[in-house]
C-alpha atoms as a PDB file:
ATOM      1  CA  UNK A   1       0.000   0.000   0.000  1.00  0.00           C
ATOM      2  CA  UNK A   2       2.798   2.397   0.883  1.00  0.00           C
ATOM      3  CA  UNK A   3       4.421   1.740  -2.496  1.00  0.00           C
ATOM      4  CA  UNK A   4       1.122   2.554  -4.232  1.00  0.00           C
ATOM      5  CA  UNK A   5       0.824   5.790  -2.245  1.00  0.00           C
ATOM      6  CA  UNK A   6       4.381   6.743  -3.179  1.00  0.00           C
ATOM      7  CA  UNK A   7       3.661   6.059  -6.863  1.00  0.00           C
ATOM      8  CA  UNK A   8       0.497   8.169  -6.712  1.00  0.00           C
ATOM      9  CA  UNK A   9       2.454  11.012  -5.100  1.00  0.00           C
ATOM     10  CA  UNK A  10       4.893  10.894  -8.022  1.00  0.00           C
ATOM     11  CA  UNK A  11       2.022  11.062 -10.519  1.00  0.00           C
ATOM     12  CA  UNK A  12       0.291  13.922  -8.702  1.00  0.00           C
ATOM     13  CA  UNK A  13       3.532  15.763  -8.006  1.00  0.00           C
ATOM     14  CA  UNK A  14       2.829  16.398  -4.331  1.00  0.00           C
ATOM     15  CA  UNK A  15       2.416  14.626  -1.003  1.00  0.00           C
ATOM     16  CA  UNK A  16      -0.952  12.948  -0.413  1.00  0.00           C
ATOM     17  CA  UNK A  17      -2.899  13.356   2.805  1.00  0.00           C
ATOM     18  CA  UNK A  18      -3.432   9.836   4.136  1.00  0.00           C
ATOM     19  CA  UNK A  19      -3.378   7.734   7.258  1.00  0.00           C
ATOM     20  CA  UNK A  20      -2.037   4.204   7.458  1.00  0.00           C
ATOM     21  CA  UNK A  21      -2.845   1.427   9.916  1.00  0.00           C
ATOM     22  CA  UNK A  22      -1.273  -2.028  10.108  1.00  0.00           C
ATOM     23  CA  UNK A  23      -4.649  -3.574  10.991  1.00  0.00           C
ATOM     24  CA  UNK A  24      -6.664  -4.925   8.061  1.00  0.00           C
ATOM     25  CA  UNK A  25     -10.109  -3.497   7.442  1.00  0.00           C
ATOM     26  CA  UNK A  26     -12.991  -5.960   7.438  1.00  0.00           C
ATOM     27  CA  UNK A  27     -13.603  -6.948   3.837  1.00  0.00           C
ATOM     28  CA  UNK A  28      -9.965  -6.418   2.746  1.00  0.00           C
ATOM     29  CA  UNK A  29      -8.430  -9.205   0.687  1.00  0.00           C
ATOM     30  CA  UNK A  30      -6.035 -11.289   2.771  1.00  0.00           C
ATOM     31  CA  UNK A  31      -4.127 -12.552  -0.273  1.00  0.00           C
ATOM     32  CA  UNK A  32      -3.374 -11.565  -3.836  1.00  0.00           C
ATOM     33  CA  UNK A  33      -1.809 -13.164  -6.897  1.00  0.00           C
ATOM     34  CA  UNK A  34       1.510 -11.733  -8.004  1.00  0.00           C
ATOM     35  CA  UNK A  35       3.047 -14.704  -9.825  1.00  0.00           C
ATOM     36  CA  UNK A  36       1.065 -15.402 -12.995  1.00  0.00           C
ATOM     37  CA  UNK A  37       3.632 -17.765 -14.548  1.00  0.00           C
ATOM     38  CA  UNK A  38       1.396 -20.844 -14.123  1.00  0.00           C
ATOM     39  CA  UNK A  39      -1.486 -18.997 -15.782  1.00  0.00           C
ATOM     40  CA  UNK A  40       0.832 -17.985 -18.622  1.00  0.00           C
ATOM     41  CA  UNK A  41       1.826 -21.632 -19.131  1.00  0.00           C
ATOM     42  CA  UNK A  42      -1.834 -22.433 -19.806  1.00  0.00           C
ATOM     43  CA  UNK A  43      -2.406 -19.275 -21.871  1.00  0.00           C
ATOM     44  CA  UNK A  44       0.939 -18.457 -23.552  1.00  0.00           C
ATOM     45  CA  UNK A  45      -0.505 -15.649 -25.698  1.00  0.00           C
ATOM     46  CA  UNK A  46      -1.851 -13.795 -22.657  1.00  0.00           C
ATOM     47  CA  UNK A  47      -0.030 -10.612 -21.660  1.00  0.00           C
ATOM     48  CA  UNK A  48      -0.666  -7.810 -19.242  1.00  0.00           C
ATOM     49  CA  UNK A  49      -2.568  -5.056 -21.005  1.00  0.00           C
ATOM     50  CA  UNK A  50      -2.045  -2.316 -18.405  1.00  0.00           C
ATOM     51  CA  UNK A  51       0.806  -1.593 -16.045  1.00  0.00           C
ATOM     52  CA  UNK A  52       0.011  -0.529 -12.508  1.00  0.00           C
ATOM     53  CA  UNK A  53       1.485   2.918 -13.150  1.00  0.00           C
ATOM     54  CA  UNK A  54      -0.706   3.360 -16.248  1.00  0.00           C
ATOM     55  CA  UNK A  55      -3.786   2.356 -14.234  1.00  0.00           C
ATOM     56  CA  UNK A  56      -2.945   4.944 -11.558  1.00  0.00           C
ATOM     57  CA  UNK A  57      -2.367   7.601 -14.226  1.00  0.00           C
ATOM     58  CA  UNK A  58      -5.668   6.771 -15.915  1.00  0.00           C
ATOM     59  CA  UNK A  59      -7.530   7.061 -12.600  1.00  0.00           C
ATOM     60  CA  UNK A  60      -5.791  10.379 -11.823  1.00  0.00           C
ATOM     61  CA  UNK A  61      -6.548  11.834 -15.271  1.00  0.00           C
ATOM     62  CA  UNK A  62     -10.190  10.745 -15.135  1.00  0.00           C
ATOM     63  CA  UNK A  63     -10.646  12.195 -11.646  1.00  0.00           C
ATOM     64  CA  UNK A  64      -8.943  15.446 -12.650  1.00  0.00           C
ATOM     65  CA  UNK A  65     -11.213  15.736 -15.693  1.00  0.00           C
ATOM     66  CA  UNK A  66     -14.295  15.184 -13.483  1.00  0.00           C
ATOM     67  CA  UNK A  67     -13.214  17.894 -11.044  1.00  0.00           C
ATOM     68  CA  UNK A  68     -12.538  20.396 -13.819  1.00  0.00           C
ATOM     69  CA  UNK A  69     -15.895  19.771 -15.542  1.00  0.00           C
END
């Protein structure tokens, strides 16, 4: 999460106002998939379409456009 916040701060160009707690919120995922190599063995033509940075940028640009409108 802290890495995502840092990346978003780079995109925005300023520090974000946030709070961070080590305790999970109810409903938070307790696991995630980061190694997709087995999936790629079954689907060798599959590739990531979006990078995480591009997703963050797209969210930022869409939100900025909404606020300006």
